[in-house]
N, C-alpha and C. Protein backbone atom coordinates (compact mmCIF):
# COMPACT_ATOMS: atom_id res chain seq x y z
N UNK A 1 0.78 -1.15 -0.04
CA UNK A 1 0.02 -0.02 0.03
C UNK A 1 0.76 1.35 0.09
N UNK A 2 1.95 1.15 0.63
CA UNK A 2 2.78 2.32 0.68
C UNK A 2 3.33 2.75 -0.63
N UNK A 3 3.65 1.84 -1.57
CA UNK A 3 3.98 2.18 -2.90
C UNK A 3 2.77 2.83 -3.63
N UNK A 4 1.65 2.55 -3.37
CA UNK A 4 0.46 3.16 -4.14
C UNK A 4 0.37 4.51 -3.66
N UNK A 5 0.36 4.74 -2.39
CA UNK A 5 0.30 6.15 -1.80
C UNK A 5 1.45 7.05 -2.33
N UNK A 6 2.69 6.49 -2.47
CA UNK A 6 3.77 7.24 -2.98
C UNK A 6 3.62 7.53 -4.37
N UNK A 7 3.17 6.59 -5.24
CA UNK A 7 2.83 6.83 -6.54
C UNK A 7 1.80 7.82 -6.73
N UNK A 8 0.70 7.72 -5.97
CA UNK A 8 -0.31 8.80 -6.10
C UNK A 8 0.14 10.13 -5.78
N UNK A 9 1.10 10.28 -4.76
CA UNK A 9 1.52 11.57 -4.40
C UNK A 9 2.42 12.14 -5.51
N UNK A 10 3.19 11.30 -6.11
CA UNK A 10 4.11 11.70 -7.27
C UNK A 10 3.17 12.12 -8.48
N UNK A 11 2.03 11.41 -8.73
CA UNK A 11 1.24 11.74 -9.82
C UNK A 11 0.51 13.04 -9.60
N UNK A 12 0.00 13.31 -8.37
CA UNK A 12 -0.62 14.59 -7.95
C UNK A 12 0.46 15.67 -8.11
N UNK A 13 1.66 15.57 -7.64
CA UNK A 13 2.66 16.56 -7.77
C UNK A 13 3.00 16.90 -9.15
N UNK A 14 2.97 15.79 -10.04
CA UNK A 14 3.31 16.03 -11.46
C UNK A 14 2.11 16.76 -12.08
N UNK A 15 0.83 16.53 -11.84
CA UNK A 15 -0.29 17.11 -12.41
C UNK A 15 -0.28 18.65 -11.90
N UNK A 16 0.04 18.83 -10.71
CA UNK A 16 -0.01 20.38 -10.16
C UNK A 16 1.11 21.09 -10.83
N UNK A 17 2.26 20.54 -10.97
CA UNK A 17 3.30 21.24 -11.71
C UNK A 17 3.00 21.47 -13.04
N UNK A 18 2.31 20.46 -13.73
CA UNK A 18 1.91 20.74 -15.16
C UNK A 18 0.89 21.73 -15.20
N UNK A 19 -0.02 21.80 -14.30
CA UNK A 19 -1.05 22.89 -14.26
C UNK A 19 -0.42 24.26 -14.13
N UNK A 20 0.65 24.38 -13.20
CA UNK A 20 1.25 25.64 -13.05
C UNK A 20 1.97 26.10 -14.34
N UNK A 21 2.75 25.10 -14.97
CA UNK A 21 3.36 25.42 -16.24
C UNK A 21 2.34 25.89 -17.31
N UNK A 22 1.26 25.25 -17.37
CA UNK A 22 0.32 25.54 -18.37
C UNK A 22 -0.28 26.95 -18.05
N UNK A 23 -0.56 27.23 -16.90
CA UNK A 23 -1.14 28.55 -16.43
C UNK A 23 -0.11 29.69 -16.69
N UNK A 24 1.17 29.42 -16.52
CA UNK A 24 2.12 30.44 -16.77
C UNK A 24 2.48 30.64 -18.23
N UNK A 25 2.27 29.56 -19.06
CA UNK A 25 2.42 29.70 -20.45
C UNK A 25 1.21 30.44 -21.04
N UNK A 26 0.01 30.32 -20.51
CA UNK A 26 -1.24 30.98 -20.97
C UNK A 26 -1.08 32.45 -20.71
N UNK A 27 -0.55 32.83 -19.57
CA UNK A 27 -0.40 34.29 -19.16
C UNK A 27 0.71 34.92 -19.98
N UNK A 28 1.82 34.23 -20.24
CA UNK A 28 2.93 34.94 -21.00
C UNK A 28 2.50 34.93 -22.49
N UNK A 29 1.57 34.09 -22.91
CA UNK A 29 1.23 34.22 -24.28
C UNK A 29 0.08 35.19 -24.64
N UNK A 30 -0.43 35.82 -23.51
CA UNK A 30 -1.52 36.90 -23.72
C UNK A 30 -0.81 37.99 -24.44
N UNK A 31 -1.62 38.64 -25.35
CA UNK A 31 -1.20 39.81 -26.05
C UNK A 31 -0.88 40.99 -25.21
N UNK A 32 0.20 41.71 -25.38
CA UNK A 32 0.64 42.95 -24.66
C UNK A 32 -0.17 44.18 -25.29
N UNK A 33 -0.82 45.00 -24.49
CA UNK A 33 -1.45 46.15 -24.94
C UNK A 33 -0.47 47.05 -25.61
N UNK A 34 -0.75 47.69 -26.76
CA UNK A 34 0.07 48.68 -27.38
C UNK A 34 0.14 50.02 -26.64
N UNK A 35 1.39 50.53 -26.67
CA UNK A 35 1.41 51.82 -25.85
C UNK A 35 0.62 52.86 -26.52
N UNK A 36 0.14 53.82 -25.77
CA UNK A 36 -0.68 54.89 -26.30
C UNK A 36 0.14 55.97 -27.15
N UNK A 37 -0.43 56.40 -28.11
CA UNK A 37 0.17 57.42 -29.04
C UNK A 37 0.40 58.69 -28.30
N UNK A 38 1.50 59.43 -28.60
CA UNK A 38 1.74 60.76 -27.94
C UNK A 38 1.95 61.73 -29.05
N UNK A 39 1.84 62.97 -28.52
CA UNK A 39 2.09 64.21 -29.29
C UNK A 39 3.03 65.12 -28.52
N UNK A 40 3.97 65.75 -29.24
CA UNK A 40 4.89 66.66 -28.51
C UNK A 40 4.96 67.91 -29.41
N UNK A 41 4.45 68.99 -28.75
CA UNK A 41 4.54 70.32 -29.35
C UNK A 41 5.85 70.96 -29.02
N UNK A 42 6.14 72.18 -29.72
CA UNK A 42 7.25 72.97 -29.42
C UNK A 42 7.04 74.46 -29.81
N UNK A 43 7.61 75.33 -28.99
CA UNK A 43 7.48 76.70 -29.41
C UNK A 43 8.71 77.40 -28.68
N UNK A 44 9.09 78.71 -29.15
CA UNK A 44 10.01 79.34 -28.35
C UNK A 44 9.64 80.77 -28.02
N UNK A 45 10.14 81.30 -27.15
CA UNK A 45 9.82 82.70 -26.75
C UNK A 45 11.11 83.43 -26.25
N UNK A 46 11.23 84.61 -26.80
CA UNK A 46 12.43 85.41 -26.62
C UNK A 46 12.15 86.10 -25.14
N UNK A 47 13.17 86.01 -24.30
CA UNK A 47 12.99 86.63 -22.97
C UNK A 47 14.08 87.76 -22.89
N UNK A 48 13.63 88.97 -22.78
CA UNK A 48 14.51 90.14 -22.68
C UNK A 48 15.17 90.12 -21.22
N UNK A 49 16.46 90.19 -21.07
CA UNK A 49 17.13 90.22 -19.79
C UNK A 49 18.24 91.14 -19.73
N UNK A 50 18.04 92.29 -19.19
CA UNK A 50 19.14 93.20 -19.14
C UNK A 50 19.74 93.53 -20.51
N UNK A 51 21.03 93.20 -20.75
CA UNK A 51 21.77 93.60 -21.87
C UNK A 51 21.88 92.30 -22.91
N UNK A 52 21.33 91.19 -22.53
CA UNK A 52 21.37 90.14 -23.42
C UNK A 52 19.96 89.48 -23.51
N UNK A 53 19.85 88.52 -24.39
CA UNK A 53 18.58 87.89 -24.60
C UNK A 53 18.66 86.39 -24.38
N UNK A 54 17.60 85.77 -23.94
CA UNK A 54 17.55 84.36 -23.67
C UNK A 54 16.38 83.85 -24.41
N UNK A 55 16.41 82.63 -24.94
CA UNK A 55 15.28 81.99 -25.50
C UNK A 55 14.75 80.85 -24.63
N UNK A 56 13.47 80.76 -24.43
CA UNK A 56 12.86 79.67 -23.81
C UNK A 56 12.22 78.81 -24.81
N UNK A 57 12.61 77.55 -24.88
CA UNK A 57 12.15 76.56 -25.78
C UNK A 57 11.18 75.66 -24.96
N UNK A 58 9.80 75.82 -25.18
CA UNK A 58 8.88 75.05 -24.38
C UNK A 58 8.19 73.99 -25.30
N UNK A 59 7.49 73.04 -24.61
CA UNK A 59 6.73 72.07 -25.25
C UNK A 59 5.72 71.39 -24.29
N UNK A 60 4.83 70.65 -24.92
CA UNK A 60 3.85 69.86 -24.15
C UNK A 60 3.82 68.42 -24.65
N UNK A 61 4.03 67.42 -23.85
CA UNK A 61 3.80 66.00 -24.18
C UNK A 61 2.43 65.63 -23.83
N UNK A 62 1.63 65.15 -24.72
CA UNK A 62 0.29 64.75 -24.39
C UNK A 62 -0.06 63.47 -25.16
N UNK A 63 -1.12 62.89 -24.54
CA UNK A 63 -1.58 61.58 -25.06
C UNK A 63 -3.22 61.71 -24.86
N UNK A 64 -3.93 61.41 -25.99
CA UNK A 64 -5.41 61.47 -25.92
C UNK A 64 -5.94 62.84 -25.35
N UNK A 65 -5.25 63.93 -25.69
CA UNK A 65 -5.61 65.23 -25.26
C UNK A 65 -5.23 65.74 -23.95
N UNK A 66 -4.63 64.82 -23.22
CA UNK A 66 -4.16 65.20 -21.73
C UNK A 66 -2.60 65.12 -21.71
N UNK A 67 -2.11 66.09 -20.76
CA UNK A 67 -0.74 66.20 -20.61
C UNK A 67 -0.25 64.87 -19.90
N UNK A 68 1.00 64.46 -20.29
CA UNK A 68 1.59 63.33 -19.71
C UNK A 68 2.74 63.76 -18.76
N UNK A 69 2.61 63.54 -17.52
CA UNK A 69 3.53 64.04 -16.50
C UNK A 69 4.60 62.99 -16.30
N UNK A 70 5.71 63.51 -15.80
CA UNK A 70 6.92 62.73 -15.23
C UNK A 70 7.61 61.91 -16.26
N UNK A 71 7.76 62.33 -17.48
CA UNK A 71 8.41 61.72 -18.51
C UNK A 71 9.65 62.47 -18.95
N UNK A 72 10.67 61.83 -19.46
CA UNK A 72 11.85 62.55 -19.87
C UNK A 72 11.78 62.93 -21.35
N UNK A 73 12.18 64.18 -21.62
CA UNK A 73 12.07 64.72 -22.96
C UNK A 73 13.43 65.29 -23.20
N UNK A 74 14.03 64.99 -24.45
CA UNK A 74 15.28 65.61 -24.82
C UNK A 74 15.12 66.80 -25.69
N UNK A 75 16.05 67.79 -25.52
CA UNK A 75 16.12 68.83 -26.47
C UNK A 75 17.26 68.49 -27.42
N UNK A 76 17.01 68.57 -28.76
CA UNK A 76 18.02 68.27 -29.69
C UNK A 76 18.34 69.57 -30.55
N UNK A 77 19.45 69.83 -30.92
CA UNK A 77 19.80 70.97 -31.81
C UNK A 77 20.71 70.58 -32.89
N UNK A 78 20.71 71.48 -33.99
CA UNK A 78 21.61 71.26 -35.06
C UNK A 78 21.95 72.61 -35.63
N UNK A 79 23.04 72.73 -36.29
CA UNK A 79 23.48 74.04 -36.84
C UNK A 79 24.63 73.78 -37.71
N UNK A 80 24.98 74.75 -38.64
CA UNK A 80 26.26 74.57 -39.43
C UNK A 80 25.87 74.03 -40.82
N UNK A 81 26.98 73.66 -41.60
CA UNK A 81 26.89 73.33 -42.96
C UNK A 81 26.35 71.84 -43.09
N UNK A 82 26.96 71.02 -42.35
CA UNK A 82 26.50 69.56 -42.37
C UNK A 82 25.94 69.25 -40.87
N UNK A 83 24.63 69.68 -40.68
CA UNK A 83 24.16 69.54 -39.29
C UNK A 83 23.75 68.07 -38.91
N UNK A 84 24.10 67.66 -37.84
CA UNK A 84 23.64 66.42 -37.12
C UNK A 84 22.90 66.76 -35.90
N UNK A 85 21.75 66.19 -35.67
CA UNK A 85 21.04 66.37 -34.43
C UNK A 85 21.83 65.87 -33.22
N UNK A 86 21.94 66.81 -32.18
CA UNK A 86 22.76 66.48 -31.02
C UNK A 86 21.87 66.88 -29.68
N UNK A 87 21.81 65.93 -28.74
CA UNK A 87 21.10 66.25 -27.56
C UNK A 87 21.89 67.34 -26.78
N UNK A 88 21.17 68.41 -26.43
CA UNK A 88 21.75 69.57 -25.70
C UNK A 88 21.15 69.70 -24.37
N UNK A 89 20.14 68.88 -24.02
CA UNK A 89 19.59 68.95 -22.73
C UNK A 89 18.42 67.97 -22.66
N UNK A 90 18.19 67.54 -21.38
CA UNK A 90 16.95 66.67 -21.02
C UNK A 90 16.33 67.26 -19.81
N UNK A 91 15.02 66.92 -19.77
CA UNK A 91 14.27 67.42 -18.69
C UNK A 91 13.03 66.40 -18.47
N UNK A 92 12.21 66.81 -17.36
CA UNK A 92 11.15 65.99 -17.14
C UNK A 92 9.80 66.79 -17.19
N UNK A 93 8.84 66.16 -17.84
CA UNK A 93 7.55 67.00 -17.98
C UNK A 93 6.95 67.24 -16.60
N UNK A 94 6.15 68.26 -16.47
CA UNK A 94 5.49 68.63 -15.18
C UNK A 94 4.16 67.87 -15.16
N UNK A 95 3.41 68.24 -14.19
CA UNK A 95 2.05 67.61 -14.03
C UNK A 95 1.14 67.82 -15.24
N UNK A 96 1.26 68.86 -16.02
CA UNK A 96 0.38 69.13 -17.15
C UNK A 96 1.05 68.61 -18.47
N UNK A 97 2.22 68.03 -18.35
CA UNK A 97 2.95 67.56 -19.56
C UNK A 97 3.94 68.62 -20.18
N UNK A 98 3.93 69.76 -19.50
CA UNK A 98 4.85 70.88 -20.11
C UNK A 98 6.27 70.81 -19.64
N UNK A 99 7.12 71.34 -20.53
CA UNK A 99 8.53 71.30 -20.25
C UNK A 99 9.18 72.55 -20.93
N UNK A 100 10.12 73.10 -20.17
CA UNK A 100 10.67 74.31 -20.71
C UNK A 100 12.22 74.18 -20.55
N UNK A 101 13.05 74.56 -21.57
CA UNK A 101 14.42 74.69 -21.67
C UNK A 101 14.78 76.16 -21.81
N UNK A 102 15.69 76.69 -20.95
CA UNK A 102 16.04 78.05 -21.11
C UNK A 102 17.41 78.04 -21.72
N UNK A 103 17.66 78.84 -22.89
CA UNK A 103 18.90 78.90 -23.57
C UNK A 103 19.47 80.36 -23.61
N UNK A 104 20.74 80.44 -23.67
CA UNK A 104 21.36 81.55 -23.98
C UNK A 104 21.27 81.70 -25.43
N UNK A 105 21.05 82.97 -26.05
CA UNK A 105 20.89 83.20 -27.36
C UNK A 105 21.93 82.50 -28.14
N UNK A 106 21.61 81.77 -29.30
CA UNK A 106 22.56 81.18 -30.07
C UNK A 106 23.39 82.08 -30.86
N UNK A 107 24.58 81.74 -31.17
CA UNK A 107 25.57 82.59 -31.88
C UNK A 107 25.28 82.56 -33.41
N UNK A 108 24.56 81.38 -33.83
CA UNK A 108 24.37 81.22 -35.31
C UNK A 108 23.01 80.64 -35.31
N UNK A 109 22.40 80.62 -36.48
CA UNK A 109 20.98 80.15 -36.64
C UNK A 109 21.13 78.60 -36.20
N UNK A 110 20.09 78.21 -35.41
CA UNK A 110 20.13 76.90 -34.86
C UNK A 110 18.66 76.35 -34.89
N UNK A 111 18.58 75.04 -35.29
CA UNK A 111 17.35 74.42 -35.27
C UNK A 111 17.17 73.56 -33.98
N UNK A 112 15.91 73.45 -33.49
CA UNK A 112 15.77 72.70 -32.26
C UNK A 112 14.52 71.78 -32.47
N UNK A 113 14.48 70.58 -31.75
CA UNK A 113 13.31 69.84 -31.66
C UNK A 113 13.25 69.10 -30.42
N UNK A 114 12.14 68.69 -29.90
CA UNK A 114 11.96 68.05 -28.73
C UNK A 114 11.69 66.54 -29.05
N UNK A 115 12.23 65.56 -28.28
CA UNK A 115 12.23 64.10 -28.68
C UNK A 115 11.83 63.33 -27.30
N UNK A 116 10.75 62.58 -27.41
CA UNK A 116 10.28 61.68 -26.31
C UNK A 116 10.57 60.25 -26.79
N UNK A 117 11.41 59.48 -26.04
CA UNK A 117 11.82 58.21 -26.58
C UNK A 117 10.68 57.18 -26.45
N UNK A 118 9.75 57.39 -25.59
CA UNK A 118 8.72 56.38 -25.40
C UNK A 118 9.06 55.46 -24.25
N UNK A 119 8.08 54.65 -23.84
CA UNK A 119 8.32 53.60 -22.81
C UNK A 119 7.12 52.51 -23.08
N UNK A 120 7.00 51.69 -22.05
CA UNK A 120 5.92 50.59 -22.09
C UNK A 120 4.54 51.17 -22.07
N UNK A 121 4.37 52.37 -21.57
CA UNK A 121 3.04 52.98 -21.55
C UNK A 121 2.71 53.88 -22.79
N UNK A 122 3.70 54.66 -23.18
CA UNK A 122 3.48 55.64 -24.25
C UNK A 122 4.50 55.47 -25.38
N UNK A 123 3.97 55.56 -26.59
CA UNK A 123 4.79 55.57 -27.82
C UNK A 123 5.73 56.78 -27.92
N UNK A 124 6.86 56.64 -28.68
CA UNK A 124 7.83 57.67 -28.90
C UNK A 124 7.17 58.63 -29.84
N UNK A 125 7.74 60.03 -29.71
CA UNK A 125 7.15 61.08 -30.59
C UNK A 125 8.17 62.23 -30.57
N UNK A 126 8.14 63.09 -31.50
CA UNK A 126 9.03 64.13 -31.62
C UNK A 126 8.15 65.33 -32.04
N UNK A 127 8.70 66.55 -31.79
CA UNK A 127 7.90 67.74 -32.20
C UNK A 127 8.42 68.19 -33.66
N UNK A 128 7.72 69.20 -33.96
CA UNK A 128 8.28 69.87 -35.31
C UNK A 128 9.57 70.57 -35.01
N UNK A 129 10.26 71.16 -35.95
CA UNK A 129 11.47 71.70 -35.86
C UNK A 129 11.17 73.25 -35.87
N UNK A 130 11.90 73.97 -34.94
CA UNK A 130 11.89 75.44 -34.79
C UNK A 130 13.30 75.93 -35.06
N UNK A 131 13.37 77.26 -35.60
CA UNK A 131 14.78 77.76 -35.86
C UNK A 131 14.88 78.97 -35.00
N UNK A 132 15.91 79.05 -34.41
CA UNK A 132 16.20 80.27 -33.55
C UNK A 132 17.43 80.98 -34.10
N UNK A 133 17.26 82.30 -34.39
CA UNK A 133 18.32 83.07 -34.95
C UNK A 133 18.96 83.91 -33.92
N UNK A 134 20.21 84.34 -34.17
CA UNK A 134 20.98 85.25 -33.19
C UNK A 134 20.29 86.54 -33.28
N UNK A 135 20.45 87.27 -32.23
CA UNK A 135 19.86 88.65 -32.10
C UNK A 135 20.93 89.60 -32.70
N UNK A 136 20.51 90.50 -33.53
CA UNK A 136 21.49 91.38 -34.18
C UNK A 136 21.50 92.81 -33.47
């Protein structure tokens, strides 16, 4: 009789383990929801400050019409004859999805854009390009 009980215990353990493996496989095979689409706006504003001027580049990261808070956004710039985009700053969106980068006026015409890399919740996006010219 002891052999029968031992065999039954092994069979139950094997079925239980098999059920757990099947359940884990079913969960991992479930489709992952797609991240929500995002939109990233950009604008600039000249700020007069004593004898020099500063530009504020601002933007808003949104999804489905609402601001997306606490996400990292990069400010990229390019200038010159053979321009390549280069990250010149990063920041985090506020509670309304807004972000502001304050820049000293550029010495030459410079283009800027904002870039959101995306994550598991939100898809990547980038803004339009704006051009900031030096003050004469």
